[in-house]
């Protein structure tokens, strides 16, 4: 039977909430009252409170709505960051009951706080019998992308769950990473290769879900254990911690749970971002002896603890001989030919934008040169991942950006290609110190003038 058969399009629910005729001051009082109740136990709220309310532009961590505002799951989903919370409040109990039903079984959300009530403050005081009663519920965005949609960024099914949450987890949620179903992979392959016969795509989907993906997920589980064992203690909270694994009948990992490194924290400047990311890479290379191989900005997170790395599914041990395993050799050969990082390095090598022999020789290979190359790119363009824009200050016309462009050029096209000055994370840290010193000198000169 064809896998394409019983695959109906997901139905998006909606409900029309009639607007309440409330003065702006009263609307804000209701929202402030509910915000104080909902957010008082959120340890990250001090970093998130600036995005409690929205005008419908950008992505936020908290989205509050009253009758008359947009309440349908689909548009709300696209306004919230991963793990963000949607709070609907009304003085009309029936409205809250009906809107909660939309989210109770909606893919992409989990009801975080069921129907509850509180009272508005009177003259700034919580007077139980005098304040107007307000009803509300809270739903959390738990998936990265809506069901039925696909993206090049994510191959596995990734969501937030309360299962196997660590004892010291501050959010009450952890990340669950699962192998997709054969049907999901088949539909994705059909979208990418519409000209290929369905039988061929079905066989490919089965091979990916039953053989290929379990290998990479098992490797990632092992690397997460390694990180917590060998990473210097100060950096262990900057990478995910493995909490639990489920295995298939062949003993391969089919699902893993790890700590959630939630976006947030005070804004950092370009130098601080570069310094933290490079220090973390230095610890990864020198202490854990691990090469990430996929250091795109999609796999970097800024949290209240600082810069973090995620997604170690493509990683390798320094010195690991992939060629000894025929399947692994084939998989990594294919990955080297399709990797976004390797393709970019190949284009830049061909056009002469990369001449460093260290980087040129690492092209198409399982080599730490890939990490050095792409980290130098990311330091130069820290806003290439739009999710990180609110957390990294970057002005391409600034002196800091100008100095990072010079560092980038020195990494890619050194004066002596055969003896490039930047081949390790430690070398990059030395370059960042030069950037910092030159920026400070420029600022000092400006102050004197």
Protein backbone atom coordinates (compact mmCIF):
# COMPACT_ATOMS: atom_id res chain seq x y z
CA UNK A 1 0.00 0.00 0.00
CA UNK A 2 1.37 3.42 -0.91
CA UNK A 3 2.51 5.57 1.99
CA UNK A 4 1.04 8.61 0.33
CA UNK A 5 -2.52 7.34 0.78
CA UNK A 6 -4.14 8.19 4.12
CA UNK A 7 -2.25 11.43 4.78
CA UNK A 8 -4.85 14.20 5.19
CA UNK A 9 -3.77 17.78 5.55
CA UNK A 10 -3.79 18.93 9.20
CA UNK A 11 -6.94 20.83 10.09
CA UNK A 12 -6.35 24.11 11.87
CA UNK A 13 -8.96 25.00 14.46
CA UNK A 14 -10.33 28.48 14.95
CA UNK A 15 -12.80 30.23 17.20
CA UNK A 16 -14.23 33.71 16.94
CA UNK A 17 -14.00 35.60 20.22
CA UNK A 18 -16.14 38.68 20.28
CA UNK A 19 -14.15 41.70 21.52
CA UNK A 20 -14.96 43.18 24.90
CA UNK A 21 -15.54 46.90 25.06
CA UNK A 22 -12.83 47.68 27.61
CA UNK A 23 -10.87 50.92 28.04
CA UNK A 24 -7.13 50.60 27.32
CA UNK A 25 -6.28 51.14 30.99
CA UNK A 26 -8.54 48.28 32.04
CA UNK A 27 -7.13 45.99 29.33
CA UNK A 28 -3.62 46.67 30.59
CA UNK A 29 -4.70 46.08 34.19
CA UNK A 30 -6.12 42.68 33.27
CA UNK A 31 -2.97 41.75 31.33
CA UNK A 32 -0.66 42.90 34.13
CA UNK A 33 -2.66 40.96 36.71
CA UNK A 34 -2.52 37.72 34.72
CA UNK A 35 1.17 38.26 33.87
CA UNK A 36 2.08 38.51 37.55
CA UNK A 37 0.30 35.23 38.29
CA UNK A 38 1.54 33.29 35.26
CA UNK A 39 5.16 34.43 35.31
CA UNK A 40 5.99 34.49 38.99
CA UNK A 41 7.48 30.97 38.90
CA UNK A 42 9.34 31.42 35.61
CA UNK A 43 12.99 31.79 36.59
CA UNK A 44 13.83 33.15 33.15
CA UNK A 45 11.12 35.81 33.27
CA UNK A 46 13.50 38.67 34.18
CA UNK A 47 15.13 38.14 30.78
CA UNK A 48 11.84 37.68 28.93
CA UNK A 49 9.57 40.33 30.40
CA UNK A 50 10.38 42.92 27.74
CA UNK A 51 8.46 40.77 25.27
CA UNK A 52 5.34 40.16 27.34
CA UNK A 53 3.18 42.15 24.96
CA UNK A 54 3.40 42.33 21.20
CA UNK A 55 2.02 44.35 18.33
CA UNK A 56 2.08 41.28 16.12
CA UNK A 57 5.59 41.77 14.71
CA UNK A 58 8.58 39.61 15.52
CA UNK A 59 8.76 36.54 17.79
CA UNK A 60 8.28 36.69 21.55
CA UNK A 61 8.47 34.43 24.60
CA UNK A 62 5.14 35.55 26.04
CA UNK A 63 2.07 36.41 23.99
CA UNK A 64 -0.90 37.74 25.96
CA UNK A 65 -4.33 38.06 24.36
CA UNK A 66 -7.78 39.32 25.31
CA UNK A 67 -11.08 38.97 23.44
CA UNK A 68 -10.73 40.77 20.13
CA UNK A 69 -7.05 39.77 19.74
CA UNK A 70 -5.84 36.94 17.48
CA UNK A 71 -6.32 33.62 19.30
CA UNK A 72 -6.14 30.95 16.56
CA UNK A 73 -3.23 28.49 17.03
CA UNK A 74 -1.65 28.90 13.58
CA UNK A 75 -0.87 32.65 13.71
CA UNK A 76 0.01 32.40 17.41
CA UNK A 77 2.49 29.59 16.63
CA UNK A 78 4.40 31.81 14.22
CA UNK A 79 4.68 34.65 16.75
CA UNK A 80 6.15 32.57 19.57
CA UNK A 81 9.70 31.38 20.03
CA UNK A 82 10.18 27.72 20.78
CA UNK A 83 8.99 27.16 24.35
CA UNK A 84 7.11 30.46 24.33
CA UNK A 85 3.78 30.73 26.15
CA UNK A 86 0.42 31.95 24.89
CA UNK A 87 -1.84 33.35 27.60
CA UNK A 88 -5.49 34.06 26.90
CA UNK A 89 -7.51 35.95 29.49
CA UNK A 90 -11.09 37.18 29.67
CA UNK A 91 -13.72 38.22 32.18
CA UNK A 92 -16.03 35.91 30.18
CA UNK A 93 -15.52 32.32 31.37
CA UNK A 94 -17.07 30.85 28.20
CA UNK A 95 -14.48 32.52 25.97
CA UNK A 96 -11.58 30.99 27.90
CA UNK A 97 -13.18 27.54 27.89
CA UNK A 98 -13.65 27.62 24.11
CA UNK A 99 -10.18 28.98 23.29
CA UNK A 100 -8.51 26.42 25.57
CA UNK A 101 -10.24 23.66 23.58
CA UNK A 102 -8.40 24.87 20.46
CA UNK A 103 -5.03 24.29 22.12
CA UNK A 104 -5.85 21.18 24.13
CA UNK A 105 -5.27 18.82 21.19
CA UNK A 106 -3.50 21.14 18.77
CA UNK A 107 -0.23 19.85 17.31
CA UNK A 108 2.60 22.16 18.26
CA UNK A 109 1.17 23.24 21.62
CA UNK A 110 0.71 21.79 25.09
CA UNK A 111 -1.65 23.31 27.65
CA UNK A 112 0.79 24.43 30.31
CA UNK A 113 -1.75 25.78 32.80
CA UNK A 114 -5.40 24.80 32.57
CA UNK A 115 -8.34 27.12 33.17
CA UNK A 116 -7.79 29.24 36.28
CA UNK A 117 -9.10 32.46 37.75
CA UNK A 118 -7.73 35.44 39.61
CA UNK A 119 -8.87 38.93 40.50
CA UNK A 120 -7.63 42.28 39.27
CA UNK A 121 -5.96 44.51 41.84
CA UNK A 122 -7.94 47.40 43.24
CA UNK A 123 -5.90 50.59 43.68
CA UNK A 124 -2.79 48.43 43.31
CA UNK A 125 -3.83 46.06 46.10
CA UNK A 126 -4.87 42.38 45.80
CA UNK A 127 -8.31 42.67 47.41
CA UNK A 128 -9.97 39.23 46.93
CA UNK A 129 -13.60 40.32 47.07
CA UNK A 130 -13.41 43.65 45.24
CA UNK A 131 -11.25 43.02 42.17
CA UNK A 132 -12.89 41.96 38.93
CA UNK A 133 -12.61 38.20 38.30
CA UNK A 134 -10.45 37.24 35.31
CA UNK A 135 -10.23 33.75 33.78
CA UNK A 136 -7.20 32.53 31.82
CA UNK A 137 -5.25 29.53 30.55
CA UNK A 138 -1.67 29.07 29.28
CA UNK A 139 -0.42 27.04 26.29
CA UNK A 140 3.24 26.46 25.43
CA UNK A 141 4.74 26.08 21.94
CA UNK A 142 6.48 22.71 22.12
CA UNK A 143 7.46 21.94 18.52
CA UNK A 144 9.95 23.74 16.33
CA UNK A 145 7.87 23.65 13.16
CA UNK A 146 4.15 23.05 12.56
CA UNK A 147 2.99 19.54 11.73
CA UNK A 148 3.00 18.94 7.99
CA UNK A 149 5.71 21.54 7.31
CA UNK A 150 9.35 20.71 6.58
CA UNK A 151 12.60 22.62 6.66
CA UNK A 152 16.22 21.98 5.74
CA UNK A 153 17.25 22.89 9.28
CA UNK A 154 15.64 19.94 11.06
CA UNK A 155 15.76 16.26 10.14
CA UNK A 156 14.66 14.63 13.38
CA UNK A 157 11.40 15.25 15.25
CA UNK A 158 12.25 17.67 18.04
CA UNK A 159 9.87 18.91 20.72
CA UNK A 160 9.60 19.81 24.39
CA UNK A 161 8.25 17.32 26.90
CA UNK A 162 7.93 16.93 30.66
CA UNK A 163 9.10 13.29 30.47
CA UNK A 164 12.48 12.59 32.07
CA UNK A 165 13.02 16.20 33.15
CA UNK A 166 16.25 16.52 35.12
CA UNK A 167 16.19 17.19 38.85
CA UNK A 168 17.73 20.63 38.47
CA UNK A 169 15.94 21.66 35.27
CA UNK A 170 14.67 25.24 35.76
CA UNK A 171 11.94 25.05 33.11
CA UNK A 172 10.07 21.84 33.89
CA UNK A 173 10.64 20.75 30.28
CA UNK A 174 13.35 18.90 28.40
CA UNK A 175 14.07 18.38 24.69
CA UNK A 176 12.91 15.15 23.07
CA UNK A 177 14.60 14.15 19.81
CA UNK A 178 13.03 11.28 17.89
CA UNK A 179 13.45 9.43 14.63
CA UNK A 180 10.66 10.52 12.27
CA UNK A 181 8.12 8.00 11.03
CA UNK A 182 8.56 6.36 7.65
CA UNK A 183 5.45 8.27 6.47
CA UNK A 184 6.91 11.64 7.48
CA UNK A 185 10.21 10.99 5.73
CA UNK A 186 8.41 9.67 2.66
CA UNK A 187 6.31 12.85 2.36
CA UNK A 188 9.39 14.99 2.79
CA UNK A 189 11.26 13.05 0.08
CA UNK A 190 8.26 13.42 -2.24
CA UNK A 191 8.42 17.20 -1.81
CA UNK A 192 12.16 17.32 -2.48
CA UNK A 193 12.22 14.78 -5.34
CA UNK A 194 8.84 14.89 -7.10
CA UNK A 195 10.36 13.38 -10.25
CA UNK A 196 11.46 10.15 -8.47
CA UNK A 197 9.26 7.05 -8.45
CA UNK A 198 7.32 6.57 -5.22
CA UNK A 199 8.58 3.02 -4.77
CA UNK A 200 12.17 4.26 -4.76
CA UNK A 201 11.32 6.98 -2.24
CA UNK A 202 9.50 4.49 0.01
CA UNK A 203 12.56 2.25 0.13
CA UNK A 204 14.76 5.25 0.88
CA UNK A 205 12.44 6.41 3.68
CA UNK A 206 12.52 2.95 5.28
CA UNK A 207 16.31 2.79 5.10
CA UNK A 208 16.67 6.25 6.66
CA UNK A 209 14.33 5.57 9.58
CA UNK A 210 15.43 2.01 10.31
CA UNK A 211 19.18 2.15 9.67
CA UNK A 212 20.66 5.61 9.05
CA UNK A 213 18.95 7.86 11.58
CA UNK A 214 19.42 5.42 14.51
CA UNK A 215 23.18 5.48 13.85
CA UNK A 216 23.41 9.25 14.11
CA UNK A 217 21.07 9.44 17.12
CA UNK A 218 23.08 6.74 18.91
CA UNK A 219 26.31 8.61 18.20
CA UNK A 220 24.80 11.84 19.52
CA UNK A 221 23.72 10.12 22.76
CA UNK A 222 27.27 8.86 23.23
CA UNK A 223 28.78 12.27 22.53
CA UNK A 224 26.44 13.97 25.03
CA UNK A 225 27.73 11.58 27.71
CA UNK A 226 31.29 12.34 26.66
CA UNK A 227 30.70 16.09 26.90
CA UNK A 228 29.50 15.87 30.50
CA UNK A 229 32.44 13.63 31.39
CA UNK A 230 35.31 15.46 29.70
CA UNK A 231 34.20 19.07 29.24
CA UNK A 232 35.66 21.46 31.84
CA UNK A 233 33.05 21.98 34.55
CA UNK A 234 32.52 25.65 33.67
CA UNK A 235 31.38 24.67 30.16
CA UNK A 236 29.15 21.66 30.88
CA UNK A 237 26.03 23.81 31.14
CA UNK A 238 26.82 25.23 27.68
CA UNK A 239 26.04 21.92 25.97
CA UNK A 240 22.99 19.65 26.40
CA UNK A 241 23.01 17.00 29.10
CA UNK A 242 21.63 13.56 28.21
CA UNK A 243 18.71 12.57 30.46
CA UNK A 244 17.26 9.40 28.93
CA UNK A 245 17.33 7.21 25.81
CA UNK A 246 14.94 4.69 24.28
CA UNK A 247 16.36 1.98 22.01
CA UNK A 248 14.92 -0.11 19.20
CA UNK A 249 15.08 -3.89 18.83
CA UNK A 250 18.60 -3.60 17.38
CA UNK A 251 19.88 -1.74 20.44
CA UNK A 252 20.16 1.57 18.58
CA UNK A 253 18.81 4.82 20.04
CA UNK A 254 15.39 5.75 18.63
CA UNK A 255 14.63 8.60 21.03
CA UNK A 256 16.67 10.70 23.42
CA UNK A 257 15.84 13.31 26.03
CA UNK A 258 18.25 16.12 26.92
CA UNK A 259 18.25 19.39 28.81
CA UNK A 260 16.63 22.39 27.15
CA UNK A 261 19.02 25.28 26.50
CA UNK A 262 16.42 28.02 26.30
CA UNK A 263 17.04 31.23 24.36
CA UNK A 264 17.31 34.23 26.63
CA UNK A 265 19.60 36.28 28.80
CA UNK A 266 21.02 39.80 28.61
CA UNK A 267 22.20 41.06 25.24
CA UNK A 268 25.90 40.58 24.46
CA UNK A 269 28.07 42.45 21.98
CA UNK A 270 29.85 40.96 18.97
CA UNK A 271 33.17 40.60 20.80
CA UNK A 272 31.59 38.81 23.76
CA UNK A 273 29.72 36.43 21.44
CA UNK A 274 32.90 35.62 19.50
CA UNK A 275 34.94 35.17 22.67
CA UNK A 276 32.44 32.85 24.34
CA UNK A 277 31.87 30.74 21.22
CA UNK A 278 35.60 30.36 20.61
CA UNK A 279 36.34 29.45 24.22
CA UNK A 280 33.63 26.80 24.00
CA UNK A 281 35.11 25.44 20.77
CA UNK A 282 38.57 25.38 22.37
CA UNK A 283 37.19 23.26 25.22
CA UNK A 284 35.44 20.99 22.72
CA UNK A 285 38.58 20.41 20.64
CA UNK A 286 41.20 20.29 23.37
CA UNK A 287 39.41 18.72 26.37
CA UNK A 288 36.79 16.48 24.76
CA UNK A 289 38.74 15.87 21.52
CA UNK A 290 35.52 16.30 19.58
CA UNK A 291 34.85 18.03 16.24
CA UNK A 292 31.33 19.42 15.87
CA UNK A 293 31.36 19.56 12.03
CA UNK A 294 28.09 21.55 11.85
CA UNK A 295 28.75 24.85 13.62
CA UNK A 296 26.06 26.83 11.83
CA UNK A 297 24.35 29.59 13.78
CA UNK A 298 21.29 27.31 13.83
CA UNK A 299 23.29 25.09 16.18
CA UNK A 300 24.31 27.91 18.52
CA UNK A 301 22.09 29.20 21.32
CA UNK A 302 22.38 32.21 23.61
CA UNK A 303 21.02 31.51 27.10
CA UNK A 304 21.30 33.34 30.44
CA UNK A 305 24.51 31.28 30.91
CA UNK A 306 25.97 32.50 27.62
CA UNK A 307 26.74 30.95 24.23
CA UNK A 308 25.93 27.24 23.90
CA UNK A 309 26.38 24.59 21.19
CA UNK A 310 23.67 22.04 20.32
CA UNK A 311 23.12 19.19 17.83
CA UNK A 312 26.12 16.90 18.06
CA UNK A 313 24.66 14.28 15.71
CA UNK A 314 27.28 14.96 13.02
CA UNK A 315 30.23 15.14 15.41
CA UNK A 316 33.34 12.93 15.30
CA UNK A 317 36.19 12.20 17.69
CA UNK A 318 39.54 13.72 16.77
CA UNK A 319 41.53 10.81 15.37
CA UNK A 320 38.45 8.64 14.77
CA UNK A 321 39.01 6.44 11.72
CA UNK A 322 35.66 6.52 9.93
CA UNK A 323 37.01 4.37 7.09
CA UNK A 324 37.07 1.27 9.33
CA UNK A 325 33.27 1.14 9.23
CA UNK A 326 31.99 0.80 5.67
CA UNK A 327 28.54 2.28 6.37
CA UNK A 328 29.94 5.18 8.40
CA UNK A 329 32.46 5.87 5.65
CA UNK A 330 29.70 6.04 3.03
CA UNK A 331 27.49 8.22 5.26
CA UNK A 332 30.23 10.73 6.06
CA UNK A 333 31.37 10.85 2.43
CA UNK A 334 27.82 11.78 1.48
CA UNK A 335 27.59 14.27 4.34
CA UNK A 336 30.82 15.95 3.25
CA UNK A 337 29.40 16.40 -0.25
CA UNK A 338 26.02 17.77 0.87
CA UNK A 339 26.94 19.73 4.00
CA UNK A 340 26.13 23.44 3.84
CA UNK A 341 29.50 24.23 5.42
CA UNK A 342 31.47 22.04 3.02
CA UNK A 343 29.64 23.41 -0.03
CA UNK A 344 30.38 26.99 1.06
CA UNK A 345 34.03 26.19 1.73
CA UNK A 346 34.27 24.56 -1.70
CA UNK A 347 32.81 27.62 -3.45
CA UNK A 348 35.08 30.01 -1.57
CA UNK A 349 38.10 27.86 -2.37
CA UNK A 350 37.20 27.80 -6.06
CA UNK A 351 36.71 31.58 -6.25
CA UNK A 352 39.88 32.36 -4.30
CA UNK A 353 38.11 33.69 -1.21
CA UNK A 354 39.77 30.92 0.83
CA UNK A 355 43.47 30.33 0.22
CA UNK A 356 44.69 29.13 3.64
CA UNK A 357 46.26 25.71 3.08
CA UNK A 358 44.87 24.57 6.43
CA UNK A 359 41.30 25.25 5.31
CA UNK A 360 41.83 24.17 1.69
CA UNK A 361 43.29 20.82 2.79
CA UNK A 362 40.37 20.28 5.18
CA UNK A 363 37.73 20.70 2.50
CA UNK A 364 35.61 17.57 2.04
CA UNK A 365 37.26 15.85 5.00
CA UNK A 366 36.24 15.00 8.54
CA UNK A 367 38.55 17.63 9.98
CA UNK A 368 38.51 20.35 12.64
CA UNK A 369 39.19 22.85 9.84
CA UNK A 370 35.41 22.83 9.25
CA UNK A 371 34.83 24.15 12.80
CA UNK A 372 37.51 26.85 12.51
CA UNK A 373 36.24 27.93 9.08
CA UNK A 374 32.62 28.26 10.05
CA UNK A 375 33.17 29.82 13.45
CA UNK A 376 35.22 32.54 11.75
CA UNK A 377 32.26 33.06 9.40
CA UNK A 378 29.75 33.23 12.26
CA UNK A 379 31.78 35.74 14.29
CA UNK A 380 31.78 37.98 11.23
CA UNK A 381 27.99 37.61 10.65
CA UNK A 382 26.37 36.90 14.03
CA UNK A 383 22.87 37.78 12.78
CA UNK A 384 22.78 35.03 10.13
CA UNK A 385 20.37 33.21 12.46
CA UNK A 386 17.42 35.61 12.98
CA UNK A 387 16.50 33.86 16.26
CA UNK A 388 19.70 35.23 17.82
CA UNK A 389 19.30 38.86 16.70
CA UNK A 390 17.62 39.97 19.96
CA UNK A 391 20.53 38.57 21.98
CA UNK A 392 23.61 39.77 20.04
CA UNK A 393 24.38 43.42 19.32
CA UNK A 394 25.78 43.81 15.82
CA UNK A 395 26.29 46.90 13.67
CA UNK A 396 28.01 46.14 10.37
CA UNK A 397 29.16 49.77 10.10
CA UNK A 398 30.85 49.75 13.53
CA UNK A 399 34.57 49.62 14.24
CA UNK A 400 34.04 46.24 15.92
CA UNK A 401 32.50 44.80 12.76
CA UNK A 402 35.30 46.29 10.67
CA UNK A 403 37.95 44.62 12.82
CA UNK A 404 36.13 41.28 12.67
CA UNK A 405 36.09 41.52 8.88
CA UNK A 406 39.86 41.94 8.99
CA UNK A 407 40.16 38.90 11.27
CA UNK A 408 37.89 36.93 8.95
CA UNK A 409 40.06 37.82 5.96
CA UNK A 410 43.23 36.85 7.84
CA UNK A 411 41.72 33.42 8.60
CA UNK A 412 40.56 32.84 5.03
CA UNK A 413 43.37 34.51 3.05
CA UNK A 414 46.53 34.80 5.15
CA UNK A 415 49.65 36.57 3.92
CA UNK A 416 51.42 33.21 3.81
CA UNK A 417 48.98 30.50 2.68
CA UNK A 418 51.41 27.73 3.64
CA UNK A 419 51.80 29.03 7.19
CA UNK A 420 48.38 30.41 8.18
CA UNK A 421 48.27 32.09 11.62
CA UNK A 422 44.80 30.73 12.46
CA UNK A 423 44.43 26.94 12.62
CA UNK A 424 43.08 26.38 16.16
CA UNK A 425 40.48 27.87 18.48
CA UNK A 426 43.36 29.19 20.61
CA UNK A 427 44.65 31.07 17.55
CA UNK A 428 41.19 32.57 17.03
CA UNK A 429 41.13 33.72 20.66
CA UNK A 430 44.40 35.52 20.04
CA UNK A 431 42.84 37.19 17.01
CA UNK A 432 39.79 38.26 19.05
CA UNK A 433 42.11 39.85 21.60
CA UNK A 434 43.67 41.88 18.79
CA UNK A 435 40.18 42.97 17.69
CA UNK A 436 39.28 43.96 21.24
CA UNK A 437 42.49 45.95 21.71
CA UNK A 438 42.07 47.85 18.43
CA UNK A 439 38.45 48.69 19.20
CA UNK A 440 39.43 49.98 22.63
CA UNK A 441 42.22 52.08 21.14
CA UNK A 442 39.78 53.59 18.64
CA UNK A 443 37.28 54.39 21.40
CA UNK A 444 40.03 55.93 23.57
CA UNK A 445 41.20 58.06 20.65
CA UNK A 446 37.63 59.19 20.05
CA UNK A 447 37.20 60.18 23.72
CA UNK A 448 40.36 62.30 23.56
CA UNK A 449 39.09 64.14 20.53
